[in-house]
Structure formats: C-alpha cells, structure tokens
Protein backbone atom coordinates (compact mmCIF):
# COMPACT_ATOMS: atom_id res chain seq x y z
CA MET A 1 4.45 -21.20 -11.78
CA GLY A 2 6.34 -19.39 -14.55
CA THR A 3 8.26 -16.16 -14.01
CA VAL A 4 6.56 -14.38 -16.94
CA LEU A 5 2.95 -13.23 -16.84
CA THR A 6 0.59 -14.55 -19.45
CA VAL A 7 -1.23 -12.14 -21.75
CA GLU A 8 -4.42 -12.72 -19.78
CA GLN A 9 -2.65 -12.01 -16.47
CA GLU A 10 -1.11 -8.83 -17.85
CA LYS A 11 -4.54 -7.60 -18.90
CA LYS A 12 -5.96 -8.42 -15.48
CA LEU A 13 -3.11 -6.57 -13.76
CA GLU A 14 -3.78 -3.57 -15.97
CA ARG A 15 -7.49 -3.61 -15.09
CA ILE A 16 -6.73 -3.82 -11.37
CA GLN A 17 -4.20 -0.97 -11.60
CA ASP A 18 -6.69 1.16 -13.54
CA ASP A 19 -9.32 0.51 -10.88
CA TRP A 20 -7.00 1.54 -8.07
CA PHE A 21 -5.68 4.53 -10.03
CA LYS A 22 -9.24 5.85 -10.06
CA VAL A 23 -9.15 5.67 -6.27
CA THR A 24 -6.22 8.11 -6.23
CA GLN A 25 -8.29 10.59 -8.26
CA GLN A 26 -11.39 10.57 -6.06
CA THR A 27 -12.31 13.71 -4.15
CA GLY A 28 -14.60 14.64 -1.29
CA PRO A 29 -15.51 12.78 1.91
CA GLY A 30 -15.76 9.02 1.61
CA ASP A 31 -18.04 6.51 3.32
CA ARG A 32 -17.32 7.29 6.96
CA GLU A 33 -19.36 4.38 8.24
CA ALA A 34 -17.25 1.96 6.19
CA ILE A 35 -14.12 3.61 7.61
CA ARG A 36 -15.40 3.31 11.18
CA LYS A 37 -16.02 -0.41 10.70
CA ALA A 38 -12.57 -1.02 9.17
CA ILE A 39 -10.52 0.92 11.74
CA PRO A 40 -10.85 -1.59 14.65
CA ARG A 41 -9.88 -4.46 12.32
CA VAL A 42 -6.78 -2.57 11.14
CA TYR A 43 -5.70 -1.85 14.72
CA LYS A 44 -6.33 -5.43 15.79
CA ALA A 45 -4.38 -6.83 12.82
CA SER A 46 -1.48 -4.56 13.80
CA GLY A 47 -1.53 -5.77 17.40
CA LYS A 48 -2.60 -2.36 18.66
CA LYS A 49 -5.21 -1.40 21.22
CA ILE A 50 -8.50 -0.55 19.50
CA PRO A 51 -9.18 3.22 19.65
CA VAL A 52 -12.17 4.55 21.57
CA ASP A 53 -13.31 6.56 18.56
CA THR A 54 -12.46 7.62 15.01
CA LEU A 55 -12.18 11.36 14.43
CA PHE A 56 -12.53 12.84 10.96
CA LEU A 57 -10.41 15.81 9.92
CA ARG A 58 -10.45 17.87 6.75
CA SER A 59 -6.86 17.55 5.54
CA PRO A 60 -3.56 15.74 6.19
CA PHE A 61 -2.28 18.80 8.03
CA ALA A 62 -5.42 18.77 10.18
CA CYS A 63 -4.64 15.16 11.18
CA SER A 64 -1.18 16.16 12.36
CA ALA A 65 -2.53 19.30 14.03
CA ALA A 66 -5.21 17.27 15.82
CA TYR A 67 -2.56 14.87 17.09
CA ALA A 68 -0.47 17.81 18.34
CA ILE A 69 -3.41 19.57 19.99
CA LEU A 70 -4.58 16.43 21.80
CA ALA A 71 -1.05 15.39 22.77
CA LEU A 72 -0.14 18.78 24.17
CA GLY A 73 -3.25 18.89 26.29
CA ILE A 74 -3.35 22.69 25.80
CA PRO A 75 -1.08 23.54 28.77
CA GLU A 76 -1.47 26.94 30.33
CA GLY A 77 1.32 29.37 31.07
CA LYS A 78 2.56 32.80 30.19
CA PHE A 79 5.43 32.71 27.75
CA LYS A 80 7.13 35.19 25.49
CA THR A 81 4.64 36.80 23.14
CA LYS A 82 4.94 36.47 19.41
CA GLY A 83 7.89 38.15 17.76
CA ASP A 84 9.26 38.16 14.25
CA LYS A 85 7.94 34.69 13.47
CA GLU A 86 4.43 36.11 13.39
CA ASN A 87 5.32 37.62 10.04
CA ASN A 88 6.05 34.21 8.55
CA LYS A 89 3.22 33.80 6.04
CA ARG A 90 3.35 30.03 5.95
CA ARG A 91 3.32 29.79 9.74
CA ARG A 92 0.30 32.07 10.10
CA PHE A 93 -1.52 30.18 7.33
CA LEU A 94 -0.98 26.81 9.04
CA LEU A 95 -1.89 28.22 12.45
CA SER A 96 -5.25 29.36 11.04
CA ILE A 97 -5.94 25.79 9.92
CA ALA A 98 -4.94 24.52 13.36
CA HIS A 99 -7.65 26.77 14.82
CA LYS A 100 -10.20 25.21 12.45
CA THR A 101 -8.98 21.78 13.52
CA ALA A 102 -9.48 22.66 17.19
CA ALA A 103 -13.06 23.65 16.36
CA ASP A 104 -13.62 20.33 14.56
CA LEU A 105 -12.24 18.40 17.55
CA GLU A 106 -14.49 20.32 19.91
CA SER A 107 -17.53 19.50 17.76
CA GLN A 108 -16.77 15.77 17.56
CA LEU A 109 -15.59 15.26 21.15
CA GLN A 110 -18.14 17.62 22.71
CA THR A 111 -15.32 19.01 24.84
CA PRO A 112 -14.26 22.67 25.13
CA ILE A 113 -11.07 22.86 23.10
CA LEU A 114 -11.19 25.88 20.77
CA GLU A 115 -11.17 28.62 23.41
CA LYS A 116 -8.31 26.97 25.31
CA PHE A 117 -6.37 26.46 22.11
CA SER A 118 -6.88 30.09 21.04
CA GLU A 119 -5.45 31.27 24.35
CA PHE A 120 -2.64 28.75 24.13
CA ALA A 121 -1.69 29.86 20.60
CA GLN A 122 -1.21 33.49 21.64
CA TYR A 123 2.28 32.69 22.89
CA GLU A 124 5.23 32.03 20.65
CA ARG A 125 6.77 29.31 22.78
CA ASN A 126 3.49 27.39 22.74
CA VAL A 127 3.26 27.69 18.96
CA ASP A 128 6.83 26.39 18.67
CA LYS A 129 5.84 23.33 20.71
CA LEU A 130 2.73 22.85 18.57
CA PHE A 131 4.71 22.78 15.33
CA GLU A 132 7.29 20.45 16.85
CA ARG A 133 4.50 17.96 17.59
CA ILE A 134 3.03 18.45 14.12
CA GLN A 135 6.38 17.61 12.55
CA TYR A 136 6.55 14.48 14.69
CA ALA A 137 3.07 13.46 13.54
CA ASN A 138 3.89 14.12 9.89
CA VAL A 139 6.34 11.21 9.77
CA ARG A 140 3.77 8.84 11.27
CA ILE A 141 0.84 9.62 8.98
CA ASN A 142 -0.20 7.02 6.41
CA TYR A 143 -1.01 8.21 2.93
CA VAL A 144 -3.81 5.65 2.42
CA GLN A 145 -5.34 7.01 -0.79
CA ASN A 146 -1.92 7.66 -2.31
CA ASP A 147 -0.82 4.13 -1.39
CA SER A 148 -3.42 2.69 -3.72
CA LEU A 149 -1.13 1.90 -6.65
CA TRP A 150 1.35 -0.26 -4.74
CA LEU A 151 -1.57 -1.89 -2.93
CA ALA A 152 -3.03 -2.75 -6.34
CA THR A 153 0.20 -4.51 -7.30
CA TYR A 154 0.27 -6.36 -3.98
CA TYR A 155 -3.39 -7.32 -4.39
CA PHE A 156 -2.74 -8.78 -7.84
CA PHE A 157 0.32 -10.85 -6.98
CA ASN A 158 -0.99 -11.97 -3.60
CA LYS A 159 -4.70 -12.45 -4.23
CA GLU A 160 -4.74 -13.33 -7.92
CA LEU A 161 -1.47 -15.26 -8.26
CA GLY A 162 -1.14 -16.55 -4.71
CA LEU A 163 2.38 -15.21 -4.26
CA GLY A 164 3.71 -14.00 -0.92
CA GLU A 165 2.18 -14.20 2.53
CA THR A 166 -1.20 -12.73 3.30
CA HIS A 167 -1.00 -9.88 5.81
CA PRO A 168 -4.21 -9.21 7.78
CA PHE A 169 -3.34 -5.52 8.08
CA LEU A 170 -3.36 -5.06 4.31
CA ASP A 171 -6.57 -7.05 3.98
CA HIS A 172 -8.32 -4.55 6.24
CA ILE A 173 -6.62 -1.34 5.05
CA TRP A 174 -8.07 -1.62 1.53
CA PRO A 175 -11.56 -0.34 2.49
CA ILE A 176 -9.96 2.67 4.18
CA CYS A 177 -7.80 3.38 1.12
CA ARG A 178 -10.94 3.49 -1.03
CA GLU A 179 -12.76 5.93 1.25
CA ALA A 180 -10.20 8.08 3.08
CA GLY A 181 -7.31 10.32 2.15
CA TRP A 182 -5.08 9.92 5.20
CA LEU A 183 -4.79 7.90 8.40
CA LEU A 184 -2.87 8.79 11.54
CA PRO A 185 -3.25 5.74 13.80
CA CYS A 186 -3.12 6.94 17.41
CA ILE A 187 -4.44 6.02 20.83
CA PRO A 188 -7.05 6.75 22.09
CA TYR A 189 -8.30 8.09 18.75
CA ALA A 190 -7.81 7.11 15.13
CA LEU A 191 -7.37 10.30 13.10
CA VAL A 192 -8.70 10.08 9.54
CA GLY A 193 -8.20 12.80 6.94
CA ASP A 194 -10.70 13.42 4.16
CA ARG A 195 -9.74 13.18 0.53
CA PRO A 196 -9.07 16.42 -1.36
CA THR A 197 -11.98 18.53 -2.53
CA ALA A 198 -10.25 19.13 -5.87
CA VAL A 199 -7.21 17.90 -7.78
CA HIS A 200 -5.84 19.74 -10.82
CA GLN A 201 -3.37 18.00 -13.12
CA LEU A 202 -1.91 18.45 -16.59
CA SER A 203 -2.28 15.72 -19.20
CA ASP A 204 1.18 14.38 -18.28
CA GLY A 205 0.17 13.97 -14.62
CA ARG A 206 1.95 17.01 -13.17
CA PHE A 207 -0.03 18.98 -10.59
CA HIS A 208 -0.83 22.42 -11.92
CA GLU A 209 -3.11 25.31 -10.97
CA GLN A 210 -2.34 28.99 -11.57
CA ASN A 211 -4.93 30.55 -9.26
CA GLY A 212 -5.17 28.30 -6.21
CA PRO A 213 -4.09 24.98 -4.75
CA ALA A 214 -3.52 22.16 -7.23
CA ILE A 215 -4.59 19.79 -4.47
CA ALA A 216 -7.24 21.46 -2.33
CA TYR A 217 -8.76 20.43 1.00
CA ALA A 218 -11.94 21.57 2.74
CA ASP A 219 -10.14 23.49 5.51
CA GLY A 220 -8.09 25.62 3.12
CA TYR A 221 -4.98 23.50 3.25
CA GLY A 222 -3.49 22.36 -0.03
CA SER A 223 -0.48 21.86 -2.22
CA PHE A 224 0.20 24.79 -4.51
CA CYS A 225 1.88 23.69 -7.72
CA ILE A 226 2.57 25.12 -11.16
CA LEU A 227 3.88 22.76 -13.83
CA GLY A 228 4.53 20.17 -11.12
CA VAL A 229 6.69 22.55 -9.04
CA ARG A 230 5.49 22.82 -5.44
CA LEU A 231 5.35 26.43 -4.27
CA PRO A 232 4.88 28.39 -1.05
CA PRO A 233 1.15 29.29 -1.10
CA TRP A 234 1.72 33.05 -1.02
CA ILE A 235 3.36 33.01 -4.47
CA ILE A 236 -0.07 32.14 -5.87
CA THR A 237 -2.44 33.66 -3.32
CA ASP A 238 -0.55 36.94 -2.93
CA ALA A 239 1.37 37.18 -6.20
CA ASN A 240 1.17 41.00 -6.23
CA SER A 241 3.44 41.09 -3.17
CA ILE A 242 6.35 39.37 -4.96
CA THR A 243 9.39 41.62 -4.98
CA VAL A 244 12.72 41.57 -6.77
CA ASP A 245 14.38 40.73 -3.44
CA ASP A 246 12.09 37.70 -3.05
CA ILE A 247 13.13 36.45 -6.48
CA THR A 248 16.82 37.18 -5.96
CA GLN A 249 16.88 35.32 -2.65
CA GLU A 250 15.08 32.24 -4.01
CA THR A 251 17.62 29.47 -4.60
CA ASN A 252 15.35 27.08 -6.52
CA ALA A 253 15.59 27.93 -10.23
CA SER A 254 12.13 26.56 -11.08
CA ILE A 255 10.44 28.50 -8.27
CA ARG A 256 12.40 31.61 -9.19
CA GLN A 257 11.21 31.36 -12.78
CA ILE A 258 7.57 31.01 -11.71
CA MET A 259 7.95 34.07 -9.46
CA ILE A 260 9.32 36.05 -12.42
CA HIS A 261 6.37 34.90 -14.52
CA LYS A 262 3.94 35.95 -11.77
CA MET A 263 5.61 39.35 -11.41
CA GLY A 264 5.79 39.83 -15.17
CA LEU A 265 9.00 39.70 -17.19
CA ASP A 266 8.94 43.39 -18.18
CA ARG A 267 8.35 44.54 -14.61
CA TYR A 268 11.09 42.24 -13.33
CA ILE A 269 13.65 43.60 -15.80
CA THR A 270 12.61 47.18 -15.04
CA GLU A 271 12.66 46.91 -11.25
CA LEU A 272 15.94 45.01 -11.19
CA LYS A 273 17.33 47.59 -13.68
CA LEU A 274 18.75 44.80 -15.82
CA LYS A 275 20.52 45.99 -18.96
CA PRO A 276 21.27 43.70 -21.91
CA VAL A 277 25.01 43.63 -22.61
CA HIS A 278 25.45 40.70 -24.99
CA LYS A 279 23.38 38.30 -27.07
CA ASP A 280 24.23 35.19 -29.09
CA ARG A 281 22.60 31.87 -30.01
CA PHE A 282 23.05 30.61 -26.45
CA GLY A 283 21.04 33.37 -24.77
CA GLU A 284 21.11 36.99 -23.69
CA LEU A 285 23.36 38.37 -20.95
CA TYR A 286 22.05 41.04 -18.58
CA LYS A 287 23.89 43.00 -15.90
CA THR A 288 23.04 45.44 -13.13
CA ASN A 289 24.27 46.70 -9.77
CA LEU A 290 22.40 45.93 -6.57
CA LYS A 291 22.77 47.97 -3.41
CA ALA A 292 24.12 45.95 -0.48
CA PRO A 293 22.95 46.65 3.13
CA ASP A 294 26.21 48.54 3.80
CA GLY A 295 25.62 50.79 0.79
CA ARG A 296 28.10 49.14 -1.57
CA LYS A 297 27.13 48.44 -5.17
CA VAL A 298 27.30 44.74 -5.95
CA PRO A 299 27.55 43.73 -9.63
CA VAL A 300 25.00 41.10 -10.67
CA ALA A 301 24.76 39.17 -13.93
CA MET A 302 21.97 36.97 -15.27
CA VAL A 303 21.61 35.09 -18.51
CA LYS A 304 18.25 34.76 -20.23
CA VAL A 305 17.73 31.41 -21.95
CA ILE A 306 14.76 29.87 -23.74
CA ASN A 307 13.83 26.23 -23.39
CA LYS A 308 13.70 24.90 -26.94
CA THR A 309 11.01 22.42 -25.91
CA PRO A 310 7.72 24.36 -25.63
CA SER A 311 5.50 23.92 -22.59
CA LEU A 312 2.21 22.05 -22.83
CA ASP A 313 0.35 25.19 -23.87
CA GLY A 314 2.82 25.74 -26.72
CA THR A 315 4.56 28.79 -25.27
CA PRO A 316 8.35 28.85 -24.78
CA GLU A 317 9.67 28.74 -21.22
CA ILE A 318 12.05 31.61 -20.47
CA TYR A 319 14.60 31.36 -17.64
CA PHE A 320 16.79 33.98 -15.99
CA ILE A 321 19.78 32.23 -14.45
CA PRO A 322 22.19 34.03 -12.08
CA VAL A 323 25.81 33.76 -13.23
CA ARG A 324 29.20 35.17 -12.25
CA ALA A 325 29.38 38.92 -12.63
CA ASP A 326 32.66 38.75 -14.58
CA VAL A 327 31.36 36.81 -17.60
CA LYS A 328 31.58 38.71 -20.88
CA THR A 329 29.29 36.85 -23.27
CA ALA A 330 26.01 34.92 -23.13
CA HIS A 331 27.91 31.83 -24.34
CA GLU A 332 30.36 32.14 -21.44
CA ALA A 333 27.47 32.70 -19.01
CA VAL A 334 25.57 29.58 -20.10
CA ALA A 335 28.76 27.51 -20.14
CA SER A 336 29.54 28.61 -16.59
CA THR A 337 26.25 27.12 -15.36
CA PHE A 338 27.70 23.72 -16.38
CA ASN A 339 31.11 24.55 -14.85
CA LYS A 340 32.61 24.69 -18.33
CA THR A 341 34.45 27.22 -20.46
CA PRO A 342 32.96 28.44 -23.76
CA GLU A 343 35.41 26.17 -25.60
CA GLN A 344 34.19 23.16 -23.63
CA TYR A 345 30.50 23.99 -24.01
CA ASN A 346 29.27 23.97 -27.57
CA PRO A 347 26.36 21.49 -27.80
CA ASP A 348 24.88 20.55 -31.14
CA PHE A 349 21.52 19.94 -29.46
CA GLU A 350 19.78 21.92 -26.76
CA SER A 351 16.81 20.63 -24.80
C-alpha cells in the first residue's frame, strides 16, 4: 500500500471527519438504552469487571461529584464549621451542583443520599475531602464526545485502510461517543455524563457567550468563555460586582481585559483614578497612586494599546497593560512589555 492517500481516500476521510465533527456539536441527552448496552462490552474489552448499573449524570462535574459522593460513603462526624472558604464563589457554585448530583443519585439508586450529604457538607473538613476526591476523579474521566475527531481518524485508517491493530475497546466505545458526553468508568457503577444542553461558538470555532455559559449543562454547570478565553463564572453571572481590586489582582491579561470591558472602560478609568500622562503612536500612558494596606501610596502605571486587528464584530480590542511605574512615555511602556528599550522596540508592523 502506498504512503500517499488517493483523491478518493482523501474525500472519504473528509466525509468521515465531517460526520464525527457533527457528533461533537450535538446537545441534549443521547440514547441511554444504546449506552446501557455498550457499557458492559466496553468494560469487558478493557478486562474490567462489568458494573452492576449505569448511572446518568447531568454534567462532567456531576460525574466526578457522584464518584466522590459514593466513594466517601458520606461519613459522619463533627468537624470545624465553614470559615473563610465559604466566601469562595466558585466553591459554593460547585457545591450547589454536588447537592443536585446527590439528589440524582438518590433518585436512580432509590437510596437515601441527599439528606446525609447535606448534613455532611455542612462541615469544612468534609467539603475539603469531597473536592479532593473530585479532583482525583477529574483525571480519570473520559471525554467521549470530545474524543470523536481522533476516533474518526482511527476509524478511517483502521477500518477503511486496514492499518494498525483492531482494539475491541475502541470498537465498543464508538456508540457511547455518539450518545454521551462523558464517561467515568468505575466499579460498581459506570458514571455517564450527558452532553451539553447548549454550545455557543464564534465562526472561527472559539467558545463565546457574553451572558451565560458558552458550554452549558442541565445542572447549571458550564464553561464560561468570551472570545475563547475561559473565565470564572462570576465574571459573567455577577459582572456588577467586579471591582478595581479584582482587575488589578488578575494576572491573566486576557481575563483582565474582559473584566475591564464588563466593568466599562470609563468607570474603570474613573474608579482607578487613572490620569493620561503621555500619548504617541504606540499607545497612551496612564498613571495613578494606589493606597497600600499600610497606608502608603504606591505609584501604578498602565499603558493603553489598541489591537490593530479588529475583533470578529469589527470593533477594536483595547488593552490596559500594567507596566513599571518609572516609564516616561507610551513608547517606553510598550517596549518594556517586551523587555526592550525604546531604541530596541520600533516595529514597522503591529498585529
């Protein structure tokens, strides 16, 4: 067999990839009966003990939470009550989904779980243990639906061209990939996560949604993204609570810029008391003084730059980049972000 695909083979590969790409875009619950039939074959092909049942959860996080809840066995005991960590927005959000997961487990297993879990989750030490188990489960979960594209390539070269060895596991995982979003293979239960309820993407494939999760699941879990940048949910769901301190403390430039956009550029400049001190073709330099916890005034400088390439909606992207407080010009400020002097930084083309 030659090492180069024929035109006909290339077209067939493209058709197969297109078919499996559509699988990655599907939303909502799949054919659960087909999943139930495929699960024992997948376990058997992997040399694992066949699970006693298949449990269906509403999100990938719910799969990991279900694993943690079942593995912990909801131990009883009085531990230190919740402290500062209760104020962690992300933690509280995920804990609320864990409660929904406990209710789903109780419904499917016909075993009292929710009340015990609610009591268990009142104590900080228990919650710490829960999230430790969830993190452990996260590295074991199989993407399934998101594995479709490499499975399509394997299918083509193995099934159509007869290359490579046939693996029984892959032969049986395909039906699950077409119908489920996630799989956490455990004993005694196989934990299967539903596909998303909605997926929002830009024309270039980046996940994007201004007012909610870009990838949404039935239990409220999701991935919050703007222009392909993954964000903490509260930046979108509670944008009015964004403060100057939140923005200043954010180390990711892309997230920081989105937070500024959510707050509003004028409000950000006003609340930070930024004053323009210099402007040239490279950008605009702003400076202010922030009050440190000990009462000292700390000089802060930021340079405002505009991305010459407009965003997909045609509007320019504006960035405020923190720089050294001792810079004197916008040119020097921009150059410093590349660890260069103004003499060293003088590009003929800017992206």
